[in-house]
């Protein structure tokens, strides 16, 4: 049974207040616009995770709030403390705890982890070269996983079936 993993980087954050803790940085106006553009692209691509694991950082939560209309009504959202500051290995461990009944998952997090994980898992796909060069804010990698369960994720176990970004890559 094929699984689908969506790896999304939060939209552009605001750096106007240098005193603000990193976790509390909001989206920049450009990030809000990009998230709204991603709604159209996500709908067109048929992105429909059954579970979203989202970083608790404000910019990630705001990105999720803005793209939520594209994800459908029945998505389960989990704000996961372990995603903020996680390595790609940490994310794989978190995914490995999901029940096999979950067919599709979106992880909404941060770079460089999001890009590193997508590159590690993808063995093929037309957009791999572009993804290695750049994984912009608000970008989404769509990976088809050949493994039967989430606990079997390993390097090269997926095909990159799509790479979406608010603007052309």
Foldseek 3Di string as FASTA:
>chain_A
DKAKEKEAEFFAWDCPDVVDPQLATARDPRRLVFLLLVLVVLQVVVAAFQEEEFESRRRRVVSCVSNVVSHDDRHHYDHDPCQAVHALVSVLVVQQPDDLVGRYYYYYHHPPRSLVNVLFQAPEEPCNVVSVVDQHHGKMWMWIFPDSGSNPGGGRRTHGHDIDGSDDD
